[in-house]
Amino acid sequence: MYEEIINKIKSNLGENPDLNRQYLSSQIEVYKDHPYNKEIIKEISRMMWDCLSDEEKQEFIEVSERENPVMDILNDIYYDIENGNYEKPLEKLDKFMETFPEMFEDDKVSEYHYFTNPLEELIFRKYVGLKKELRYIPDNQPLLDLYYVYGFLLLESKQYDRAEEYLKKAIGINPVSARIILELTEIYKVHTYTLNECFIRTSDALKYSYYPQDIARCYRNLGYYYVEENDLKTALALYIYSMEYEASPLAYAEIKFIQSKTNNMELSLNECIDIIEGKNIQVGPNPFILDTLDEFIREYEENKLYNQLLYFLELRFDLKNDVETLGKINDTRERLEN
């Protein structure tokens, strides 16, 4: 039904942009009460955009950049957040969200996402997948950051239900963001009857993680889970292994705590890996991510796109810390400087 209507509207468009815009405006009125009115009007709006001249499009973009309430509120509160002052930013966001109109909401035809880089999109397509047509949220509309920051501040103020609501909104925009998923797990550590949801979400985050800090946090989360399950040997293995990716004082303190309860149990790195594998937990970065990074590196190297190449080389080096990748990073930097 939806596709037939859209095809019919498109078939009536001509060569005159002004007449096309008038016709499209009339179709918004025609279909305002249709069951698919939301989806039809969105598509008509896209057609109207195509009717604009390059100058008109540029003017619209410039106005949008000047009037960007989402960017404005985030810029207004970041300084306080970075300095650990959460009360005032939360007050400002509470007031902002009272009148904030929903933007880029999924509908019956399209789903809206934002990915930080092409790697995230490929992770999404492999492990989550599209159920509808993909629409990208523009870079200049940072809804992902808005919902994440608001969820974080709500969590810090122990408003767990509302924090969960907004962090889930952020995850809806980027379902493979390990950073946001791990923030959500902090709720499930303290505001749930069991830790099962924390375990499941952390396992997903581990699968999607491509920063060492995120991988380490996943293992610490899983270590926390096994402490609560009173499986201290597995917990110790996870905390020790997490230190391979981030030398965290928190992990060190947990290791000492567990050892104090287990007659100073010692585990080698290989023993830790064996224990983790025995629990069917992913060891190290997801191989799919490493393979995908290698593909990007080959592609950008062949096409001499050195800025993109450097970005993915640095991601790979952070995960593997190998001499070969470091050599390529240095070579690429020299090419960019020359």
Protein backbone atom coordinates (compact mmCIF):
# COMPACT_ATOMS: atom_id res chain seq x y z
CA MET A 1 0.00 0.00 0.00
CA TYR A 2 2.70 2.48 1.03
CA GLU A 3 4.94 1.74 -1.96
CA GLU A 4 2.01 2.02 -4.40
CA ILE A 5 1.12 5.47 -3.06
CA ILE A 6 4.73 6.69 -3.21
CA ASN A 7 5.18 5.36 -6.75
CA LYS A 8 1.95 7.06 -7.81
CA ILE A 9 3.09 10.39 -6.37
CA LYS A 10 6.48 10.09 -8.05
CA SER A 11 4.89 9.27 -11.39
CA ASN A 12 3.04 12.60 -11.33
CA LEU A 13 6.19 14.69 -10.89
CA GLY A 14 7.38 16.70 -13.87
CA GLU A 15 10.37 18.81 -14.83
CA ASN A 16 9.24 22.06 -13.20
CA PRO A 17 10.49 22.20 -9.55
CA ASP A 18 7.99 24.89 -8.53
CA LEU A 19 5.02 22.92 -9.83
CA ASN A 20 6.40 19.77 -8.23
CA ARG A 21 6.59 21.47 -4.85
CA GLN A 22 3.00 22.70 -5.16
CA TYR A 23 1.84 19.22 -6.12
CA LEU A 24 3.75 17.58 -3.26
CA SER A 25 2.31 20.08 -0.77
CA SER A 26 -1.19 19.14 -1.93
CA GLN A 27 -0.40 15.44 -1.42
CA ILE A 28 0.50 16.06 2.23
CA GLU A 29 -3.06 17.27 2.71
CA VAL A 30 -4.50 14.34 0.73
CA TYR A 31 -2.80 11.71 2.89
CA LYS A 32 -2.86 13.44 6.29
CA ASP A 33 -5.43 10.95 7.65
CA HIS A 34 -4.02 7.84 5.95
CA PRO A 35 -2.87 4.95 8.22
CA TYR A 36 0.64 5.46 6.79
CA ASN A 37 0.42 9.26 6.93
CA LYS A 38 3.60 9.60 9.00
CA GLU A 39 5.66 7.54 6.56
CA ILE A 40 4.09 9.09 3.43
CA ILE A 41 4.66 12.65 4.63
CA LYS A 42 8.31 11.85 5.44
CA GLU A 43 8.85 10.56 1.90
CA ILE A 44 7.06 13.55 0.38
CA SER A 45 9.36 15.81 2.41
CA ARG A 46 12.37 14.04 0.91
CA MET A 47 10.94 14.58 -2.60
CA MET A 48 10.44 18.26 -1.80
CA TRP A 49 14.08 18.49 -0.75
CA ASP A 50 15.08 17.09 -4.14
CA CYS A 51 13.06 19.89 -5.76
CA LEU A 52 15.21 22.57 -4.12
CA SER A 53 18.05 24.19 -6.01
CA ASP A 54 21.61 23.84 -4.73
CA GLU A 55 21.44 27.40 -3.43
CA GLU A 56 18.18 26.73 -1.57
CA LYS A 57 19.58 23.55 -0.05
CA GLN A 58 22.71 25.39 1.13
CA GLU A 59 20.60 28.16 2.64
CA PHE A 60 18.50 25.59 4.49
CA ILE A 61 21.63 23.86 5.81
CA GLU A 62 23.08 27.15 7.03
CA VAL A 63 19.86 28.02 8.86
CA SER A 64 19.78 24.53 10.41
CA GLU A 65 23.34 24.93 11.64
CA ARG A 66 22.56 28.31 13.20
CA GLU A 67 19.40 26.99 14.86
CA ASN A 68 20.42 23.67 16.39
CA PRO A 69 18.90 23.29 19.86
CA VAL A 70 20.35 19.81 20.43
CA MET A 71 23.90 20.95 19.71
CA ASP A 72 23.35 24.11 21.72
CA ILE A 73 22.19 22.34 24.89
CA LEU A 74 25.02 19.80 24.71
CA ASN A 75 27.63 22.51 24.27
CA ASP A 76 26.08 24.36 27.20
CA ILE A 77 26.38 21.45 29.66
CA TYR A 78 29.60 19.66 28.63
CA TYR A 79 31.93 21.86 30.69
CA ASP A 80 30.11 21.11 33.95
CA ILE A 81 29.91 17.39 33.18
CA GLU A 82 33.62 17.17 32.37
CA ASN A 83 34.33 18.77 35.74
CA GLY A 84 32.11 16.34 37.62
CA ASN A 85 29.27 18.79 38.24
CA TYR A 86 26.08 16.93 37.32
CA GLU A 87 23.28 18.74 39.14
CA LYS A 88 23.04 21.84 36.95
CA PRO A 89 23.31 19.95 33.61
CA LEU A 90 20.56 17.59 34.76
CA GLU A 91 18.31 20.53 35.63
CA LYS A 92 18.93 22.05 32.21
CA LEU A 93 18.27 18.80 30.38
CA ASP A 94 15.12 18.11 32.42
CA LYS A 95 13.75 21.45 31.27
CA PHE A 96 14.95 20.95 27.68
CA MET A 97 13.39 17.49 27.36
CA GLU A 98 9.99 18.76 28.52
CA THR A 99 9.48 20.54 25.20
CA PHE A 100 11.87 18.58 22.97
CA PRO A 101 9.99 17.24 19.92
CA GLU A 102 10.67 13.65 18.91
CA MET A 103 13.07 13.56 15.95
CA PHE A 104 14.04 10.77 13.58
CA GLU A 105 11.70 8.25 15.22
CA ASP A 106 11.33 4.82 13.60
CA ASP A 107 8.11 4.36 11.66
CA LYS A 108 6.40 1.53 9.79
CA VAL A 109 8.74 1.85 6.82
CA SER A 110 12.07 3.23 8.06
CA GLU A 111 14.44 2.87 10.98
CA TYR A 112 16.86 5.66 11.91
CA HIS A 113 20.42 5.03 13.02
CA TYR A 114 23.70 6.82 13.58
CA PHE A 115 27.08 5.07 13.43
CA THR A 116 30.35 6.62 14.50
CA ASN A 117 32.26 4.95 11.66
CA PRO A 118 31.82 2.32 8.90
CA LEU A 119 33.06 -0.42 11.24
CA GLU A 120 30.07 0.08 13.54
CA GLU A 121 27.66 -0.16 10.63
CA LEU A 122 29.14 -3.48 9.51
CA ILE A 123 28.98 -4.81 13.08
CA PHE A 124 25.33 -3.71 13.17
CA ARG A 125 24.50 -5.36 9.86
CA LYS A 126 26.12 -8.66 10.91
CA TYR A 127 24.79 -8.99 14.45
CA VAL A 128 21.59 -6.92 14.55
CA GLY A 129 20.40 -6.36 11.01
CA LEU A 130 17.77 -4.16 9.43
CA LYS A 131 14.08 -4.86 9.72
CA LYS A 132 13.09 -1.82 7.64
CA GLU A 133 14.71 0.69 5.31
CA LEU A 134 17.80 2.34 6.82
CA ARG A 135 17.80 6.10 7.25
CA TYR A 136 20.86 7.88 8.62
CA ILE A 137 20.53 10.54 11.31
CA PRO A 138 22.64 13.55 10.17
CA ASP A 139 25.91 14.35 11.92
CA ASN A 140 24.58 17.77 12.92
CA GLN A 141 21.73 16.23 14.95
CA PRO A 142 23.53 14.44 17.82
CA LEU A 143 20.49 12.66 19.27
CA LEU A 144 22.68 9.74 20.28
CA ASP A 145 24.75 11.98 22.54
CA LEU A 146 21.67 13.77 23.85
CA TYR A 147 19.98 10.57 25.01
CA TYR A 148 23.22 9.05 26.29
CA VAL A 149 24.20 12.10 28.33
CA TYR A 150 20.69 12.47 29.73
CA GLY A 151 20.58 8.78 30.63
CA PHE A 152 23.99 9.05 32.30
CA LEU A 153 22.92 12.05 34.39
CA LEU A 154 19.67 10.35 35.40
CA LEU A 155 21.65 7.28 36.43
CA GLU A 156 24.01 9.41 38.52
CA SER A 157 20.99 10.87 40.32
CA LYS A 158 19.62 7.33 40.89
CA GLN A 159 16.55 7.86 38.69
CA TYR A 160 16.94 4.34 37.38
CA ASP A 161 13.72 3.90 35.42
CA ARG A 162 14.11 7.14 33.49
CA ALA A 163 17.83 6.48 32.98
CA GLU A 164 16.98 3.09 31.47
CA GLU A 165 14.38 4.72 29.19
CA TYR A 166 16.82 7.22 27.69
CA LEU A 167 19.80 4.88 27.46
CA LYS A 168 17.55 2.47 25.56
CA LYS A 169 16.60 5.34 23.24
CA ALA A 170 20.31 5.84 22.58
CA ILE A 171 20.81 2.12 21.98
CA GLY A 172 17.89 2.22 19.54
CA ILE A 173 19.86 4.76 17.51
CA ASN A 174 23.12 2.78 17.71
CA PRO A 175 22.45 -0.79 18.89
CA VAL A 176 26.16 -1.73 18.78
CA SER A 177 27.59 1.10 20.87
CA ALA A 178 29.47 -0.75 23.62
CA ARG A 179 29.87 2.50 25.56
CA ILE A 180 26.10 2.98 25.86
CA ILE A 181 25.31 -0.68 26.48
CA LEU A 182 27.83 -0.76 29.32
CA GLU A 183 26.28 2.36 30.84
CA LEU A 184 22.93 0.57 30.78
CA THR A 185 24.43 -2.41 32.61
CA GLU A 186 25.24 -0.12 35.55
CA ILE A 187 21.49 0.12 36.14
CA TYR A 188 21.10 -3.65 36.10
CA LYS A 189 23.80 -4.04 38.72
CA VAL A 190 21.77 -2.13 41.31
CA HIS A 191 18.17 -1.95 40.08
CA THR A 192 17.08 -5.47 39.18
CA TYR A 193 16.14 -8.72 40.84
CA THR A 194 18.84 -10.74 39.05
CA LEU A 195 22.06 -9.99 37.20
CA ASN A 196 21.03 -11.95 34.11
CA GLU A 197 20.26 -8.82 32.11
CA CYS A 198 23.63 -7.36 33.08
CA PHE A 199 25.38 -10.55 31.91
CA ILE A 200 23.50 -10.68 28.58
CA ARG A 201 24.04 -7.01 27.79
CA THR A 202 27.71 -7.19 28.74
CA SER A 203 28.21 -10.20 26.46
CA ASP A 204 26.72 -8.16 23.61
CA ALA A 205 28.97 -5.21 24.41
CA LEU A 206 32.02 -7.48 24.39
CA LYS A 207 31.03 -8.74 20.95
CA TYR A 208 30.76 -5.17 19.62
CA SER A 209 33.76 -3.60 21.40
CA TYR A 210 36.69 -2.26 19.41
CA TYR A 211 38.31 -0.07 22.08
CA PRO A 212 40.54 -1.76 24.69
CA GLN A 213 38.90 0.23 27.50
CA ASP A 214 35.47 -1.13 26.53
CA ILE A 215 36.79 -4.70 26.34
CA ALA A 216 38.37 -4.33 29.78
CA ARG A 217 35.14 -2.94 31.22
CA CYS A 218 33.23 -5.90 29.80
CA TYR A 219 35.54 -8.34 31.58
CA ARG A 220 35.22 -6.35 34.81
CA ASN A 221 31.44 -6.48 34.47
CA LEU A 222 31.56 -10.22 33.97
CA GLY A 223 33.93 -10.51 36.92
CA TYR A 224 31.37 -8.65 39.04
CA TYR A 225 28.70 -11.10 37.89
CA TYR A 226 30.75 -14.13 38.92
CA VAL A 227 31.61 -12.58 42.30
CA GLU A 228 27.88 -12.25 42.94
CA GLU A 229 27.45 -15.87 41.78
CA ASN A 230 30.17 -16.84 44.29
CA ASP A 231 32.34 -18.31 41.52
CA LEU A 232 35.46 -16.53 42.70
CA LYS A 233 37.92 -18.43 40.52
CA THR A 234 36.15 -17.36 37.33
CA ALA A 235 35.79 -13.83 38.67
CA LEU A 236 39.51 -13.66 39.43
CA ALA A 237 40.36 -14.91 35.93
CA LEU A 238 38.16 -12.23 34.36
CA TYR A 239 39.60 -9.40 36.44
CA ILE A 240 43.18 -10.51 35.75
CA TYR A 241 42.50 -10.84 32.04
CA SER A 242 40.83 -7.41 31.95
CA MET A 243 44.20 -5.91 32.92
CA GLU A 244 45.55 -6.99 29.52
CA TYR A 245 43.37 -4.24 28.02
CA GLU A 246 43.36 -1.60 30.74
CA ALA A 247 45.43 -1.29 33.90
CA SER A 248 42.46 -0.36 36.08
CA PRO A 249 42.81 0.39 39.81
CA LEU A 250 39.28 -0.97 40.19
CA ALA A 251 40.28 -4.32 38.69
CA TYR A 252 43.40 -4.41 40.84
CA ALA A 253 41.34 -3.80 43.99
CA GLU A 254 38.91 -6.56 43.01
CA ILE A 255 41.79 -8.98 42.40
CA LYS A 256 43.17 -8.29 45.85
CA PHE A 257 39.71 -8.65 47.40
CA ILE A 258 39.11 -12.03 45.75
CA GLN A 259 42.58 -13.25 46.70
CA SER A 260 41.89 -12.27 50.31
CA LYS A 261 38.87 -14.58 50.21
CA THR A 262 40.66 -17.48 48.49
CA ASN A 263 43.95 -17.93 50.38
CA ASN A 264 45.78 -15.71 47.85
CA MET A 265 44.81 -17.77 44.80
CA GLU A 266 47.19 -17.14 41.88
CA LEU A 267 46.35 -17.67 38.20
CA SER A 268 48.63 -17.41 35.19
CA LEU A 269 47.42 -15.64 32.07
CA ASN A 270 47.01 -18.96 30.25
CA GLU A 271 45.00 -20.36 33.16
CA CYS A 272 42.76 -17.29 33.02
CA ILE A 273 42.17 -17.78 29.30
CA ASP A 274 41.33 -21.47 29.81
CA ILE A 275 38.81 -20.59 32.52
CA ILE A 276 37.19 -17.87 30.40
CA GLU A 277 36.96 -20.16 27.38
CA GLY A 278 35.47 -22.85 29.61
CA LYS A 279 32.60 -20.45 30.38
CA ASN A 280 32.05 -19.85 26.63
CA ILE A 281 33.01 -16.20 27.04
CA GLN A 282 34.71 -14.41 24.14
CA VAL A 283 38.46 -14.11 24.69
CA GLY A 284 39.91 -10.86 23.38
CA PRO A 285 38.49 -8.79 20.52
CA ASN A 286 35.82 -10.29 18.30
CA PRO A 287 37.64 -11.91 15.31
CA PHE A 288 35.02 -10.40 12.98
CA ILE A 289 36.11 -6.93 14.08
CA LEU A 290 39.79 -7.69 13.51
CA ASP A 291 39.06 -9.16 10.07
CA THR A 292 36.93 -6.15 9.16
CA LEU A 293 39.65 -3.75 10.28
CA ASP A 294 42.11 -5.61 8.05
CA GLU A 295 39.71 -5.24 5.10
CA PHE A 296 39.35 -1.51 5.69
CA ILE A 297 43.13 -1.13 5.99
CA ARG A 298 43.70 -2.96 2.68
CA GLU A 299 41.01 -0.92 0.93
CA TYR A 300 42.21 2.48 2.12
CA GLU A 301 45.84 1.60 1.49
CA GLU A 302 45.09 0.54 -2.10
CA ASN A 303 43.13 3.74 -2.71
CA LYS A 304 45.74 5.93 -0.96
CA LEU A 305 43.18 7.36 1.45
CA TYR A 306 45.70 7.97 4.18
CA ASN A 307 43.58 9.77 6.77
CA GLN A 308 41.05 6.93 6.82
CA LEU A 309 43.87 4.39 6.72
CA LEU A 310 45.54 5.95 9.76
CA TYR A 311 42.28 5.92 11.72
CA PHE A 312 41.73 2.18 11.24
CA LEU A 313 45.40 1.33 11.72
CA GLU A 314 45.30 3.04 15.10
CA LEU A 315 42.15 1.11 16.04
CA ARG A 316 43.88 -2.13 15.12
CA PHE A 317 47.07 -1.25 16.98
CA ASP A 318 45.10 -0.45 20.14
CA LEU A 319 43.64 -3.95 20.01
CA LYS A 320 46.71 -5.96 18.88
CA ASN A 321 49.68 -3.79 19.90
CA ASP A 322 51.80 -5.44 17.18
CA VAL A 323 54.99 -4.21 15.54
CA GLU A 324 53.70 -4.59 11.96
CA THR A 325 50.73 -2.28 12.53
CA LEU A 326 52.91 0.25 14.35
CA GLY A 327 55.26 0.32 11.35
CA LYS A 328 52.33 0.99 9.01
CA ILE A 329 51.11 3.78 11.31
CA ASN A 330 54.49 5.49 11.16
CA ASP A 331 54.68 5.10 7.36
CA THR A 332 51.19 6.53 6.95
CA ARG A 333 51.97 9.52 9.16
CA GLU A 334 55.05 10.25 7.06
CA ARG A 335 52.95 10.14 3.88
CA LEU A 336 50.47 12.59 5.38
CA GLU A 337 53.26 14.98 6.41
CA ASN A 338 54.96 14.94 2.98
